[in-house]
Amino acid sequence: MPDHEVSHGDILRAIGNIEGRLDAILTAMTNNRNDIVEAFRRLNEAEKRIAQGVILAVVASVVMPVVVVMLSPRLEFGPDIPRQHQAS
């Protein structure tokens, strides 16, 4: 078996490579965490807007029939058809 000697410089170079890789991984994880936080912030904002829309739709569905019933006597849809009196 050939005897392979590892120098002090080889060890330091390998440690430097590992440190560089760890720094890159840490940077990637930080960026991913920031992206996730931003995504959840935007999702929260979208959920708030959707809830506001649902509330407005419910209020409109309650108010519209009341308004139509209140205004229906004042609305004219055409000429009245006279009723004929039937003789008994």
Protein backbone atom coordinates (compact mmCIF):
# COMPACT_ATOMS: atom_id res chain seq x y z
CA MET A 1 0.00 0.00 0.00
CA PRO A 2 1.39 3.40 -0.90
CA ASP A 3 1.95 5.64 2.05
CA HIS A 4 0.18 8.98 1.56
CA GLU A 5 1.32 11.82 3.69
CA VAL A 6 -1.09 14.63 4.48
CA SER A 7 0.50 17.95 5.13
CA HIS A 8 -0.65 20.65 7.47
CA GLY A 9 -1.53 22.80 4.43
CA ASP A 10 -3.76 20.03 3.01
CA ILE A 11 -5.67 19.89 6.26
CA LEU A 12 -6.10 23.66 6.39
CA ARG A 13 -7.23 23.71 2.75
CA ALA A 14 -9.85 21.01 3.44
CA ILE A 15 -11.06 22.90 6.50
CA GLY A 16 -11.32 26.07 4.40
CA ASN A 17 -13.39 24.19 1.79
CA ILE A 18 -15.71 22.91 4.50
CA GLU A 19 -16.06 26.40 6.00
CA GLY A 20 -16.91 27.82 2.58
CA ARG A 21 -19.55 25.18 2.01
CA LEU A 22 -21.03 25.76 5.46
CA ASP A 23 -21.16 29.51 4.83
CA ALA A 24 -22.95 28.90 1.52
CA ILE A 25 -25.44 26.55 3.20
CA LEU A 26 -26.05 29.05 6.00
CA THR A 27 -26.64 31.84 3.48
CA ALA A 28 -29.04 29.66 1.50
CA MET A 29 -30.95 28.72 4.67
CA THR A 30 -31.20 32.39 5.71
CA ASN A 31 -32.52 33.33 2.27
CA ASN A 32 -35.02 30.46 2.36
CA ARG A 33 -36.19 31.47 5.84
CA ASN A 34 -36.68 35.08 4.66
CA ASP A 35 -38.61 33.85 1.63
CA ILE A 36 -40.85 31.71 3.84
CA VAL A 37 -41.51 34.60 6.22
CA GLU A 38 -42.40 36.84 3.26
CA ALA A 39 -44.68 34.16 1.78
CA PHE A 40 -46.56 33.78 5.07
CA ARG A 41 -46.88 37.55 5.39
CA ARG A 42 -48.38 37.78 1.91
CA LEU A 43 -50.66 34.80 2.57
CA ASN A 44 -51.87 36.45 5.78
CA GLU A 45 -52.63 39.66 3.87
CA ALA A 46 -54.50 37.70 1.18
CA GLU A 47 -56.55 35.88 3.83
CA LYS A 48 -57.49 39.21 5.40
CA ARG A 49 -58.64 40.56 2.02
CA ILE A 50 -60.64 37.41 1.31
CA ALA A 51 -62.30 37.64 4.74
CA GLN A 52 -63.21 41.28 4.06
CA GLY A 53 -64.73 40.27 0.72
CA VAL A 54 -66.76 37.50 2.34
CA ILE A 55 -68.04 39.88 5.01
CA LEU A 56 -69.07 42.41 2.35
CA ALA A 57 -70.83 39.68 0.37
CA VAL A 58 -72.76 38.54 3.45
CA VAL A 59 -73.77 42.09 4.32
CA ALA A 60 -74.85 42.73 0.73
CA SER A 61 -76.88 39.50 0.66
CA VAL A 62 -78.72 40.61 3.81
CA VAL A 63 -79.22 44.25 2.81
CA MET A 64 -80.23 43.79 -0.84
CA PRO A 65 -83.50 41.90 -0.23
CA VAL A 66 -84.54 44.50 2.37
CA VAL A 67 -83.80 47.34 -0.05
CA VAL A 68 -85.69 45.62 -2.86
CA VAL A 69 -88.73 45.03 -0.64
CA MET A 70 -88.68 48.64 0.54
CA LEU A 71 -88.34 50.06 -2.97
CA SER A 72 -90.64 47.65 -4.80
CA PRO A 73 -93.84 49.66 -4.18
CA ARG A 74 -92.16 52.70 -5.73
CA LEU A 75 -90.86 50.87 -8.79
CA GLU A 76 -92.93 50.82 -11.96
CA PHE A 77 -92.47 47.89 -14.27
CA GLY A 78 -94.98 48.92 -16.90
CA PRO A 79 -98.67 49.81 -17.19
CA ASP A 80 -101.04 48.21 -14.73
CA ILE A 81 -103.43 45.72 -16.22
CA PRO A 82 -106.93 46.62 -15.04
CA ARG A 83 -108.75 43.88 -13.19
CA GLN A 84 -112.11 42.88 -14.55
CA HIS A 85 -114.87 42.53 -12.05
CA GLN A 86 -116.58 39.26 -12.26
CA ALA A 87 -120.29 39.09 -11.67
CA SER A 88 -121.36 36.65 -9.07
